[in-house]
Amino acid sequence: MAERDILDRLEAAIAARSGADPSTSYVASLRRKGLDAILKKVGEEATEAVIAAKGGEREAIVHETADLWFHCLVMLGWHGVPVAEVLAELERREGRSGIEEKDSRPKEGGR
């Protein structure tokens, strides 16, 4: 599947660039700053995606969502979580009601 191929290629590129020279690689420079910097970027990109969606301009929505997904891939790479694991979780949820899926999760802190 072509969609899966791009995720695999991005995952590989991020992994390859992680050890590159931070002066020539955005991924390496972000990783050098640490997890907090990566998470800050994920948060910023999520906010920008929400703002784009609120504005309703298709091109902006696509652009900002791509930025968000990219930074999520950087975050996953930091934690050593392969894209395949996230896709497997999505596949596991496929065809289930979102309410049913959420109710099946272990309750946190007695909630």
C-alpha atoms as a PDB file:
ATOM      1  CA  MET A   1       0.000   0.000   0.000  1.00  0.00           C
ATOM      2  CA  ALA A   2       1.485   3.350  -1.053  1.00  0.00           C
ATOM      3  CA  GLU A   3       0.319   5.122   2.118  1.00  0.00           C
ATOM      4  CA  ARG A   4       2.136   2.600   4.250  1.00  0.00           C
ATOM      5  CA  ASP A   5       5.229   2.888   2.057  1.00  0.00           C
ATOM      6  CA  ILE A   6       5.579   6.616   2.757  1.00  0.00           C
ATOM      7  CA  LEU A   7       5.307   6.020   6.500  1.00  0.00           C
ATOM      8  CA  ASP A   8       7.982   3.324   6.279  1.00  0.00           C
ATOM      9  CA  ARG A   9      10.243   5.598   4.207  1.00  0.00           C
ATOM     10  CA  LEU A  10       9.772   8.504   6.606  1.00  0.00           C
ATOM     11  CA  GLU A  11      10.478   6.263   9.575  1.00  0.00           C
ATOM     12  CA  ALA A  12      13.692   5.064   7.903  1.00  0.00           C
ATOM     13  CA  ALA A  13      14.746   8.604   6.964  1.00  0.00           C
ATOM     14  CA  ILE A  14      14.142   9.856  10.501  1.00  0.00           C
ATOM     15  CA  ALA A  15      16.170   6.969  11.923  1.00  0.00           C
ATOM     16  CA  ALA A  16      18.998   7.631   9.453  1.00  0.00           C
ATOM     17  CA  ARG A  17      19.041  11.357  10.168  1.00  0.00           C
ATOM     18  CA  SER A  18      18.898  10.944  13.935  1.00  0.00           C
ATOM     19  CA  GLY A  19      22.642  10.451  14.116  1.00  0.00           C
ATOM     20  CA  ALA A  20      23.518  13.055  11.493  1.00  0.00           C
ATOM     21  CA  ASP A  21      25.230  16.368  12.072  1.00  0.00           C
ATOM     22  CA  PRO A  22      22.709  18.638  13.829  1.00  0.00           C
ATOM     23  CA  SER A  23      23.952  21.594  11.775  1.00  0.00           C
ATOM     24  CA  THR A  24      22.769  19.893   8.577  1.00  0.00           C
ATOM     25  CA  SER A  25      19.801  17.829   9.760  1.00  0.00           C
ATOM     26  CA  TYR A  26      16.584  19.154  11.280  1.00  0.00           C
ATOM     27  CA  VAL A  27      15.809  15.748  12.804  1.00  0.00           C
ATOM     28  CA  ALA A  28      19.260  15.501  14.387  1.00  0.00           C
ATOM     29  CA  SER A  29      19.037  19.061  15.736  1.00  0.00           C
ATOM     30  CA  LEU A  30      15.612  18.398  17.222  1.00  0.00           C
ATOM     31  CA  ARG A  31      16.730  15.122  18.803  1.00  0.00           C
ATOM     32  CA  ARG A  32      19.831  16.811  20.190  1.00  0.00           C
ATOM     33  CA  LYS A  33      17.549  19.229  22.068  1.00  0.00           C
ATOM     34  CA  GLY A  34      15.842  16.260  23.706  1.00  0.00           C
ATOM     35  CA  LEU A  35      12.393  14.865  24.295  1.00  0.00           C
ATOM     36  CA  ASP A  36      10.903  18.078  25.663  1.00  0.00           C
ATOM     37  CA  ALA A  37      11.777  19.917  22.433  1.00  0.00           C
ATOM     38  CA  ILE A  38      10.256  17.117  20.356  1.00  0.00           C
ATOM     39  CA  LEU A  39       7.077  17.139  22.434  1.00  0.00           C
ATOM     40  CA  LYS A  40       6.873  20.928  22.196  1.00  0.00           C
ATOM     41  CA  LYS A  41       6.963  20.632  18.401  1.00  0.00           C
ATOM     42  CA  VAL A  42       4.242  17.962  18.461  1.00  0.00           C
ATOM     43  CA  GLY A  43       2.108  20.289  20.569  1.00  0.00           C
ATOM     44  CA  GLU A  44       2.782  23.290  18.321  1.00  0.00           C
ATOM     45  CA  GLU A  45       1.958  21.322  15.197  1.00  0.00           C
ATOM     46  CA  ALA A  46      -1.211  19.913  16.775  1.00  0.00           C
ATOM     47  CA  THR A  47      -2.336  23.445  17.589  1.00  0.00           C
ATOM     48  CA  GLU A  48      -1.559  24.615  14.062  1.00  0.00           C
ATOM     49  CA  ALA A  49      -3.536  21.675  12.633  1.00  0.00           C
ATOM     50  CA  VAL A  50      -6.518  22.584  14.811  1.00  0.00           C
ATOM     51  CA  ILE A  51      -6.319  26.229  13.717  1.00  0.00           C
ATOM     52  CA  ALA A  52      -6.091  25.177  10.070  1.00  0.00           C
ATOM     53  CA  ALA A  53      -9.094  22.872  10.465  1.00  0.00           C
ATOM     54  CA  LYS A  54     -11.052  25.643  12.138  1.00  0.00           C
ATOM     55  CA  GLY A  55     -10.211  27.921   9.202  1.00  0.00           C
ATOM     56  CA  GLY A  56     -11.381  25.253   6.772  1.00  0.00           C
ATOM     57  CA  GLU A  57      -8.743  25.887   4.094  1.00  0.00           C
ATOM     58  CA  ARG A  58      -8.008  22.452   2.641  1.00  0.00           C
ATOM     59  CA  GLU A  59      -4.382  23.167   1.669  1.00  0.00           C
ATOM     60  CA  ALA A  60      -3.558  24.473   5.156  1.00  0.00           C
ATOM     61  CA  ILE A  61      -5.249  21.471   6.782  1.00  0.00           C
ATOM     62  CA  VAL A  62      -3.195  19.063   4.671  1.00  0.00           C
ATOM     63  CA  HIS A  63       0.051  20.982   5.262  1.00  0.00           C
ATOM     64  CA  GLU A  64      -0.369  21.266   9.021  1.00  0.00           C
ATOM     65  CA  THR A  65      -1.495  17.660   9.401  1.00  0.00           C
ATOM     66  CA  ALA A  66       1.595  16.521   7.491  1.00  0.00           C
ATOM     67  CA  ASP A  67       3.751  18.585   9.872  1.00  0.00           C
ATOM     68  CA  LEU A  68       1.981  17.027  12.861  1.00  0.00           C
ATOM     69  CA  TRP A  69       2.375  13.485  11.564  1.00  0.00           C
ATOM     70  CA  PHE A  70       6.057  14.077  10.797  1.00  0.00           C
ATOM     71  CA  HIS A  71       6.760  15.295  14.309  1.00  0.00           C
ATOM     72  CA  CYS A  72       4.778  12.386  15.758  1.00  0.00           C
ATOM     73  CA  LEU A  73       7.080  10.070  13.788  1.00  0.00           C
ATOM     74  CA  VAL A  74      10.094  11.837  15.323  1.00  0.00           C
ATOM     75  CA  MET A  75       8.522  11.316  18.765  1.00  0.00           C
ATOM     76  CA  LEU A  76       7.864   7.635  18.064  1.00  0.00           C
ATOM     77  CA  GLY A  77      11.456   7.235  16.887  1.00  0.00           C
ATOM     78  CA  TRP A  78      12.748   8.822  20.095  1.00  0.00           C
ATOM     79  CA  HIS A  79      10.900   6.167  22.076  1.00  0.00           C
ATOM     80  CA  GLY A  80      11.805   3.335  19.709  1.00  0.00           C
ATOM     81  CA  VAL A  81       8.162   2.704  18.847  1.00  0.00           C
ATOM     82  CA  PRO A  82       7.875   1.466  15.262  1.00  0.00           C
ATOM     83  CA  VAL A  83       5.184   2.835  12.971  1.00  0.00           C
ATOM     84  CA  ALA A  84       4.024  -0.758  12.481  1.00  0.00           C
ATOM     85  CA  GLU A  85       3.056  -0.934  16.154  1.00  0.00           C
ATOM     86  CA  VAL A  86       0.807   2.130  15.875  1.00  0.00           C
ATOM     87  CA  LEU A  87      -0.709   0.834  12.641  1.00  0.00           C
ATOM     88  CA  ALA A  88      -1.369  -2.529  14.312  1.00  0.00           C
ATOM     89  CA  GLU A  89      -3.215  -0.733  17.106  1.00  0.00           C
ATOM     90  CA  LEU A  90      -5.325   1.149  14.567  1.00  0.00           C
ATOM     91  CA  GLU A  91      -6.040  -2.114  12.791  1.00  0.00           C
ATOM     92  CA  ARG A  92      -7.030  -3.725  16.097  1.00  0.00           C
ATOM     93  CA  ARG A  93      -9.556  -0.922  16.615  1.00  0.00           C
ATOM     94  CA  GLU A  94     -10.914  -1.067  13.086  1.00  0.00           C
ATOM     95  CA  GLY A  95     -14.615  -1.770  12.946  1.00  0.00           C
ATOM     96  CA  ARG A  96     -15.153  -1.102  16.645  1.00  0.00           C
ATOM     97  CA  SER A  97     -17.235   1.716  17.995  1.00  0.00           C
ATOM     98  CA  GLY A  98     -15.043   4.447  19.465  1.00  0.00           C
ATOM     99  CA  ILE A  99     -17.184   4.325  22.593  1.00  0.00           C
ATOM    100  CA  GLU A 100     -16.781   0.552  22.848  1.00  0.00           C
ATOM    101  CA  GLU A 101     -13.026   0.794  22.293  1.00  0.00           C
ATOM    102  CA  LYS A 102     -12.610   3.502  24.934  1.00  0.00           C
ATOM    103  CA  ASP A 103     -14.746   1.554  27.442  1.00  0.00           C
ATOM    104  CA  SER A 104     -12.514  -1.503  26.925  1.00  0.00           C
ATOM    105  CA  ARG A 105      -9.408   0.327  28.115  1.00  0.00           C
ATOM    106  CA  PRO A 106      -8.212  -0.123  31.702  1.00  0.00           C
ATOM    107  CA  LYS A 107      -9.458   2.679  33.911  1.00  0.00           C
ATOM    108  CA  GLU A 108      -6.757   5.119  35.052  1.00  0.00           C
ATOM    109  CA  GLY A 109      -6.574   6.143  38.685  1.00  0.00           C
ATOM    110  CA  GLY A 110      -9.947   4.694  39.547  1.00  0.00           C
ATOM    111  CA  ARG A 111     -11.818   6.892  37.059  1.00  0.00           C
END
